[in-house]
N, C-alpha and C. Protein backbone atom coordinates (compact mmCIF):
# COMPACT_ATOMS: atom_id res chain seq x y z
N MET A 1 -10.15 -19.13 27.96
CA MET A 1 -10.02 -17.70 27.79
C MET A 1 -11.27 -17.14 27.12
N ASN A 2 -11.56 -15.91 27.40
CA ASN A 2 -12.74 -15.24 26.90
C ASN A 2 -12.56 -14.86 25.42
N PRO A 3 -13.49 -15.27 24.54
CA PRO A 3 -13.36 -14.97 23.12
C PRO A 3 -13.32 -13.47 22.82
N ILE A 4 -13.99 -12.67 23.64
CA ILE A 4 -13.96 -11.21 23.44
C ILE A 4 -12.54 -10.70 23.62
N PHE A 5 -11.85 -11.18 24.64
CA PHE A 5 -10.48 -10.74 24.87
C PHE A 5 -9.54 -11.24 23.78
N ASP A 6 -9.80 -12.45 23.28
CA ASP A 6 -8.99 -12.97 22.17
C ASP A 6 -9.13 -12.07 20.95
N HIS A 7 -10.37 -11.66 20.65
CA HIS A 7 -10.63 -10.79 19.50
C HIS A 7 -9.96 -9.43 19.71
N TYR A 8 -10.04 -8.90 20.91
CA TYR A 8 -9.43 -7.61 21.21
C TYR A 8 -7.92 -7.67 21.04
N SER A 9 -7.30 -8.75 21.52
CA SER A 9 -5.85 -8.92 21.39
C SER A 9 -5.44 -8.99 19.93
N THR A 10 -6.23 -9.69 19.11
CA THR A 10 -5.96 -9.78 17.68
C THR A 10 -6.06 -8.41 17.03
N PHE A 11 -7.09 -7.64 17.41
CA PHE A 11 -7.27 -6.29 16.87
C PHE A 11 -6.08 -5.41 17.23
N GLN A 12 -5.63 -5.51 18.46
CA GLN A 12 -4.49 -4.72 18.93
C GLN A 12 -3.25 -5.02 18.09
N MET A 13 -3.00 -6.30 17.81
CA MET A 13 -1.84 -6.68 17.01
C MET A 13 -2.02 -6.21 15.56
N GLU A 14 -3.25 -6.30 15.03
CA GLU A 14 -3.50 -5.87 13.66
C GLU A 14 -3.31 -4.37 13.52
N LEU A 15 -3.77 -3.58 14.50
CA LEU A 15 -3.59 -2.14 14.46
C LEU A 15 -2.10 -1.81 14.45
N GLY A 16 -1.34 -2.45 15.29
CA GLY A 16 0.11 -2.23 15.32
C GLY A 16 0.75 -2.55 13.98
N GLY A 17 0.33 -3.65 13.37
CA GLY A 17 0.85 -4.03 12.05
C GLY A 17 0.48 -3.03 10.98
N CYS A 18 -0.74 -2.51 11.05
CA CYS A 18 -1.17 -1.50 10.08
C CYS A 18 -0.36 -0.22 10.24
N ILE A 19 -0.12 0.17 11.47
CA ILE A 19 0.68 1.37 11.73
C ILE A 19 2.09 1.17 11.17
N LYS A 20 2.66 -0.01 11.40
CA LYS A 20 4.00 -0.30 10.89
C LYS A 20 4.03 -0.25 9.37
N LYS A 21 3.05 -0.86 8.71
CA LYS A 21 3.02 -0.85 7.24
C LYS A 21 2.91 0.57 6.71
N MET A 22 2.09 1.39 7.33
CA MET A 22 1.95 2.77 6.89
C MET A 22 3.26 3.53 7.08
N ARG A 23 3.90 3.32 8.23
CA ARG A 23 5.18 4.00 8.50
C ARG A 23 6.22 3.61 7.46
N GLU A 24 6.31 2.32 7.17
CA GLU A 24 7.28 1.84 6.19
C GLU A 24 6.97 2.37 4.80
N ALA A 25 5.69 2.43 4.45
CA ALA A 25 5.29 2.95 3.15
C ALA A 25 5.65 4.43 3.01
N LYS A 26 5.62 5.14 4.13
CA LYS A 26 5.97 6.56 4.12
C LYS A 26 7.49 6.76 4.19
N GLY A 27 8.24 5.68 4.36
CA GLY A 27 9.69 5.79 4.43
C GLY A 27 10.19 6.42 5.72
N LEU A 28 9.46 6.21 6.78
CA LEU A 28 9.82 6.81 8.08
C LEU A 28 10.35 5.75 9.03
N SER A 29 11.21 6.16 9.92
CA SER A 29 11.71 5.26 10.95
C SER A 29 10.78 5.32 12.16
N GLN A 30 10.88 4.32 13.01
CA GLN A 30 10.09 4.33 14.24
C GLN A 30 10.43 5.57 15.06
N LYS A 31 11.71 5.90 15.12
CA LYS A 31 12.15 7.05 15.91
C LYS A 31 11.54 8.35 15.38
N GLU A 32 11.50 8.51 14.05
CA GLU A 32 10.93 9.72 13.46
C GLU A 32 9.46 9.88 13.83
N VAL A 33 8.71 8.79 13.72
CA VAL A 33 7.28 8.86 14.04
C VAL A 33 7.08 9.08 15.53
N ALA A 34 7.85 8.38 16.34
CA ALA A 34 7.73 8.54 17.79
C ALA A 34 8.02 9.98 18.21
N LEU A 35 9.08 10.56 17.66
CA LEU A 35 9.41 11.94 18.01
C LEU A 35 8.34 12.92 17.53
N ALA A 36 7.88 12.74 16.30
CA ALA A 36 6.87 13.64 15.74
C ALA A 36 5.54 13.54 16.48
N SER A 37 5.24 12.35 17.00
CA SER A 37 3.99 12.16 17.71
C SER A 37 4.15 12.33 19.23
N LYS A 38 5.37 12.63 19.66
CA LYS A 38 5.68 12.85 21.08
C LYS A 38 5.31 11.64 21.94
N ILE A 39 5.70 10.47 21.41
CA ILE A 39 5.51 9.20 22.13
C ILE A 39 6.90 8.62 22.36
N ASP A 40 7.12 8.09 23.54
CA ASP A 40 8.39 7.44 23.86
C ASP A 40 8.70 6.37 22.81
N THR A 41 9.94 6.33 22.32
CA THR A 41 10.30 5.41 21.24
C THR A 41 10.06 3.94 21.63
N ALA A 42 10.35 3.59 22.87
CA ALA A 42 10.12 2.20 23.31
C ALA A 42 8.63 1.88 23.31
N ASN A 43 7.82 2.83 23.76
CA ASN A 43 6.37 2.62 23.77
C ASN A 43 5.83 2.54 22.34
N TYR A 44 6.37 3.39 21.44
CA TYR A 44 5.94 3.34 20.05
C TYR A 44 6.25 1.97 19.44
N SER A 45 7.42 1.44 19.75
CA SER A 45 7.81 0.12 19.26
C SER A 45 6.84 -0.95 19.76
N ARG A 46 6.43 -0.85 21.02
CA ARG A 46 5.47 -1.81 21.58
C ARG A 46 4.11 -1.68 20.90
N ILE A 47 3.73 -0.46 20.51
CA ILE A 47 2.46 -0.25 19.80
C ILE A 47 2.51 -0.99 18.46
N GLU A 48 3.60 -0.78 17.70
CA GLU A 48 3.73 -1.44 16.40
C GLU A 48 3.73 -2.95 16.50
N SER A 49 4.35 -3.46 17.55
CA SER A 49 4.44 -4.92 17.69
C SER A 49 3.19 -5.52 18.33
N GLY A 50 2.23 -4.67 18.72
CA GLY A 50 0.99 -5.16 19.30
C GLY A 50 1.13 -5.59 20.75
N LYS A 51 2.20 -5.16 21.40
CA LYS A 51 2.44 -5.57 22.78
C LYS A 51 1.79 -4.63 23.79
N THR A 52 1.30 -3.49 23.32
CA THR A 52 0.63 -2.55 24.22
C THR A 52 -0.59 -1.98 23.53
N ASP A 53 -1.52 -1.58 24.34
CA ASP A 53 -2.76 -1.01 23.85
C ASP A 53 -2.61 0.51 23.79
N PRO A 54 -2.54 1.09 22.60
CA PRO A 54 -2.35 2.54 22.53
C PRO A 54 -3.63 3.29 22.90
N ALA A 55 -3.46 4.40 23.56
CA ALA A 55 -4.60 5.27 23.83
C ALA A 55 -5.07 5.85 22.49
N PHE A 56 -6.34 6.16 22.41
CA PHE A 56 -6.88 6.71 21.17
C PHE A 56 -6.15 7.99 20.81
N SER A 57 -5.80 8.78 21.81
CA SER A 57 -5.07 10.04 21.55
C SER A 57 -3.70 9.75 20.94
N SER A 58 -3.09 8.65 21.30
CA SER A 58 -1.80 8.27 20.72
C SER A 58 -1.95 7.88 19.26
N VAL A 59 -3.03 7.18 18.93
CA VAL A 59 -3.27 6.78 17.55
C VAL A 59 -3.50 8.03 16.69
N ILE A 60 -4.21 9.00 17.24
CA ILE A 60 -4.42 10.27 16.53
C ILE A 60 -3.09 10.97 16.29
N LYS A 61 -2.24 11.01 17.30
CA LYS A 61 -0.91 11.65 17.17
C LYS A 61 -0.07 10.93 16.11
N ILE A 62 -0.14 9.62 16.08
CA ILE A 62 0.63 8.83 15.10
C ILE A 62 0.14 9.15 13.69
N ALA A 63 -1.17 9.21 13.51
CA ALA A 63 -1.73 9.54 12.18
C ALA A 63 -1.26 10.93 11.75
N LYS A 64 -1.30 11.89 12.65
CA LYS A 64 -0.85 13.25 12.32
C LYS A 64 0.64 13.26 12.00
N ALA A 65 1.43 12.51 12.76
CA ALA A 65 2.87 12.47 12.53
C ALA A 65 3.21 11.89 11.17
N MET A 66 2.38 10.95 10.70
CA MET A 66 2.62 10.34 9.39
C MET A 66 1.86 11.06 8.27
N ASP A 67 1.12 12.11 8.64
CA ASP A 67 0.36 12.90 7.68
C ASP A 67 -0.63 12.04 6.90
N VAL A 68 -1.38 11.23 7.65
CA VAL A 68 -2.42 10.39 7.06
C VAL A 68 -3.71 10.58 7.85
N GLU A 69 -4.81 10.20 7.25
CA GLU A 69 -6.09 10.21 7.94
C GLU A 69 -6.11 9.08 8.97
N LEU A 70 -6.82 9.28 10.04
CA LEU A 70 -6.91 8.28 11.09
C LEU A 70 -7.40 6.94 10.54
N ILE A 71 -8.40 6.97 9.70
CA ILE A 71 -8.96 5.73 9.13
C ILE A 71 -7.92 4.96 8.33
N ASP A 72 -6.96 5.67 7.74
CA ASP A 72 -5.91 5.01 6.95
C ASP A 72 -5.09 4.04 7.80
N LEU A 73 -4.89 4.38 9.07
CA LEU A 73 -4.13 3.49 9.95
C LEU A 73 -4.87 2.18 10.20
N PHE A 74 -6.19 2.25 10.25
CA PHE A 74 -6.99 1.05 10.50
C PHE A 74 -7.17 0.22 9.25
N GLN A 75 -7.01 0.84 8.08
CA GLN A 75 -7.23 0.13 6.82
C GLN A 75 -5.93 -0.18 6.09
N ALA A 76 -4.80 0.20 6.64
CA ALA A 76 -3.52 0.05 5.94
C ALA A 76 -3.25 -1.38 5.51
N ASP A 77 -3.60 -2.34 6.34
CA ASP A 77 -3.34 -3.73 6.01
C ASP A 77 -4.03 -4.11 4.70
N GLN A 78 -5.30 -3.76 4.55
CA GLN A 78 -6.04 -4.09 3.34
C GLN A 78 -5.57 -3.25 2.16
N VAL A 79 -5.33 -1.96 2.40
CA VAL A 79 -4.89 -1.07 1.32
C VAL A 79 -3.58 -1.56 0.72
N PHE A 80 -2.61 -1.88 1.56
CA PHE A 80 -1.32 -2.32 1.04
C PHE A 80 -1.38 -3.71 0.45
N LYS A 81 -2.29 -4.54 0.94
CA LYS A 81 -2.49 -5.86 0.33
C LYS A 81 -2.98 -5.67 -1.10
N ASP A 82 -3.93 -4.75 -1.29
CA ASP A 82 -4.45 -4.48 -2.62
C ASP A 82 -3.40 -3.86 -3.53
N ILE A 83 -2.66 -2.90 -3.04
CA ILE A 83 -1.71 -2.18 -3.86
C ILE A 83 -0.50 -3.03 -4.23
N ASN A 84 -0.02 -3.82 -3.29
CA ASN A 84 1.21 -4.57 -3.51
C ASN A 84 1.00 -5.84 -4.33
N SER A 85 -0.21 -6.17 -4.62
CA SER A 85 -0.49 -7.36 -5.40
C SER A 85 0.04 -7.19 -6.82
N PHE A 86 0.94 -8.07 -7.22
CA PHE A 86 1.59 -7.96 -8.53
C PHE A 86 0.60 -8.16 -9.67
N ASP A 87 -0.43 -8.92 -9.45
CA ASP A 87 -1.33 -9.25 -10.54
C ASP A 87 -2.53 -8.31 -10.68
N LYS A 88 -2.54 -7.21 -9.96
CA LYS A 88 -3.64 -6.25 -10.12
C LYS A 88 -3.58 -5.65 -11.51
N SER A 89 -4.74 -5.35 -12.05
CA SER A 89 -4.78 -4.77 -13.39
C SER A 89 -4.25 -3.34 -13.35
N ILE A 90 -3.78 -2.87 -14.47
CA ILE A 90 -3.25 -1.51 -14.56
C ILE A 90 -4.33 -0.48 -14.23
N THR A 91 -5.56 -0.78 -14.57
CA THR A 91 -6.66 0.14 -14.27
C THR A 91 -6.83 0.31 -12.76
N GLU A 92 -6.78 -0.79 -12.02
CA GLU A 92 -6.89 -0.71 -10.57
C GLU A 92 -5.74 0.09 -9.98
N LYS A 93 -4.54 -0.15 -10.49
CA LYS A 93 -3.38 0.58 -9.98
C LYS A 93 -3.48 2.07 -10.29
N LEU A 94 -3.96 2.40 -11.48
CA LEU A 94 -4.12 3.81 -11.83
C LEU A 94 -5.13 4.49 -10.92
N SER A 95 -6.17 3.78 -10.55
CA SER A 95 -7.16 4.40 -9.65
C SER A 95 -6.54 4.69 -8.28
N PHE A 96 -5.65 3.81 -7.82
CA PHE A 96 -4.95 4.08 -6.56
C PHE A 96 -4.04 5.30 -6.70
N ILE A 97 -3.36 5.41 -7.82
CA ILE A 97 -2.46 6.54 -8.06
C ILE A 97 -3.25 7.85 -8.05
N GLU A 98 -4.41 7.84 -8.66
CA GLU A 98 -5.24 9.05 -8.72
C GLU A 98 -5.72 9.48 -7.34
N GLN A 99 -5.77 8.57 -6.39
CA GLN A 99 -6.23 8.89 -5.04
C GLN A 99 -5.12 9.47 -4.17
N LEU A 100 -3.88 9.43 -4.63
CA LEU A 100 -2.76 9.97 -3.86
C LEU A 100 -2.88 11.47 -3.73
N ASP A 101 -2.31 12.01 -2.63
CA ASP A 101 -2.28 13.47 -2.53
C ASP A 101 -1.18 14.00 -3.45
N LYS A 102 -1.16 15.29 -3.67
CA LYS A 102 -0.27 15.91 -4.66
C LYS A 102 1.20 15.57 -4.40
N LYS A 103 1.62 15.64 -3.17
CA LYS A 103 3.02 15.37 -2.82
C LYS A 103 3.41 13.93 -3.17
N ASP A 104 2.53 12.98 -2.84
CA ASP A 104 2.81 11.58 -3.13
C ASP A 104 2.78 11.30 -4.64
N LYS A 105 1.87 11.98 -5.36
CA LYS A 105 1.82 11.81 -6.82
C LYS A 105 3.13 12.29 -7.45
N ILE A 106 3.62 13.42 -7.01
CA ILE A 106 4.88 13.96 -7.55
C ILE A 106 6.01 12.97 -7.33
N ALA A 107 6.08 12.42 -6.13
CA ALA A 107 7.12 11.43 -5.81
C ALA A 107 6.95 10.18 -6.67
N PHE A 108 5.72 9.71 -6.81
CA PHE A 108 5.46 8.52 -7.61
C PHE A 108 5.89 8.73 -9.06
N TYR A 109 5.49 9.85 -9.64
CA TYR A 109 5.81 10.11 -11.04
C TYR A 109 7.31 10.32 -11.25
N ALA A 110 8.00 10.85 -10.25
CA ALA A 110 9.45 10.99 -10.36
C ALA A 110 10.12 9.62 -10.45
N VAL A 111 9.67 8.69 -9.63
CA VAL A 111 10.22 7.33 -9.66
C VAL A 111 9.86 6.65 -10.98
N LEU A 112 8.62 6.80 -11.41
CA LEU A 112 8.18 6.20 -12.67
C LEU A 112 8.99 6.76 -13.83
N ASP A 113 9.19 8.08 -13.86
CA ASP A 113 9.99 8.71 -14.92
C ASP A 113 11.42 8.18 -14.93
N ALA A 114 11.97 7.94 -13.74
CA ALA A 114 13.33 7.40 -13.67
C ALA A 114 13.41 6.01 -14.29
N PHE A 115 12.42 5.17 -14.01
CA PHE A 115 12.41 3.83 -14.61
C PHE A 115 12.22 3.89 -16.13
N ILE A 116 11.35 4.78 -16.58
CA ILE A 116 11.13 4.92 -18.02
C ILE A 116 12.39 5.43 -18.70
N GLY A 117 13.05 6.41 -18.06
CA GLY A 117 14.30 6.94 -18.61
C GLY A 117 15.37 5.87 -18.68
N LYS A 118 15.45 5.04 -17.66
CA LYS A 118 16.42 3.95 -17.64
C LYS A 118 16.15 2.97 -18.79
N LYS A 119 14.90 2.63 -19.00
CA LYS A 119 14.53 1.70 -20.08
C LYS A 119 14.87 2.30 -21.44
N LYS A 120 14.56 3.59 -21.65
CA LYS A 120 14.85 4.24 -22.93
C LYS A 120 16.35 4.29 -23.19
N LEU A 121 17.12 4.61 -22.15
CA LEU A 121 18.58 4.66 -22.29
C LEU A 121 19.13 3.28 -22.62
N LYS A 122 18.64 2.28 -21.94
CA LYS A 122 19.09 0.90 -22.19
C LYS A 122 18.78 0.49 -23.62
N ASP A 123 17.57 0.81 -24.10
CA ASP A 123 17.20 0.48 -25.48
C ASP A 123 18.07 1.23 -26.49
N ALA A 124 18.32 2.51 -26.23
CA ALA A 124 19.15 3.31 -27.14
C ALA A 124 20.57 2.76 -27.21
N LEU A 125 21.12 2.42 -26.06
CA LEU A 125 22.48 1.86 -26.05
C LEU A 125 22.52 0.50 -26.74
N SER A 126 21.48 -0.28 -26.55
CA SER A 126 21.40 -1.58 -27.21
C SER A 126 21.37 -1.41 -28.73
N ASN A 127 20.60 -0.43 -29.21
CA ASN A 127 20.51 -0.16 -30.64
C ASN A 127 21.85 0.32 -31.21
N VAL A 128 22.55 1.16 -30.46
CA VAL A 128 23.86 1.66 -30.89
C VAL A 128 24.84 0.49 -30.99
N LEU A 129 24.86 -0.35 -29.99
CA LEU A 129 25.75 -1.51 -30.01
C LEU A 129 25.41 -2.45 -31.16
N HIS A 130 24.14 -2.61 -31.43
CA HIS A 130 23.68 -3.46 -32.54
C HIS A 130 24.16 -2.88 -33.89
N ASP A 131 24.06 -1.53 -34.04
CA ASP A 131 24.46 -0.87 -35.28
C ASP A 131 25.98 -0.94 -35.48
N VAL A 132 26.76 -0.95 -34.38
CA VAL A 132 28.22 -0.99 -34.47
C VAL A 132 28.67 -2.37 -34.96
N LYS A 133 27.94 -3.41 -34.61
CA LYS A 133 28.33 -4.77 -35.01
C LYS A 133 28.06 -4.91 -36.45
């Protein structure tokens, strides 16, 4: 087999995987993205699984449907690998947070506030129970 075609096939599968990771990170279903990008749901599924070669216009539509830059779809694999790494330093994670758009920052801080509130409540209840004993 021709090495150029092997490389192309790998790229096609990687692009589909990146699109899937971005969609999942955005909390969207395949159907939602397919409808928003006006792509048949079965064809969209084949794009994500790397079974079909999407037209460039389709990739643009997918990026718009997910409200991301086109380049983000091609870099999603590396971006999410960096972000999801448990051992990244807090400084690195904060720099990623600062790069979020306003809507995503608001959502992130809402989740963070919920976890902090849960921890404070747990500590307060623990202290009350300790004082009662």
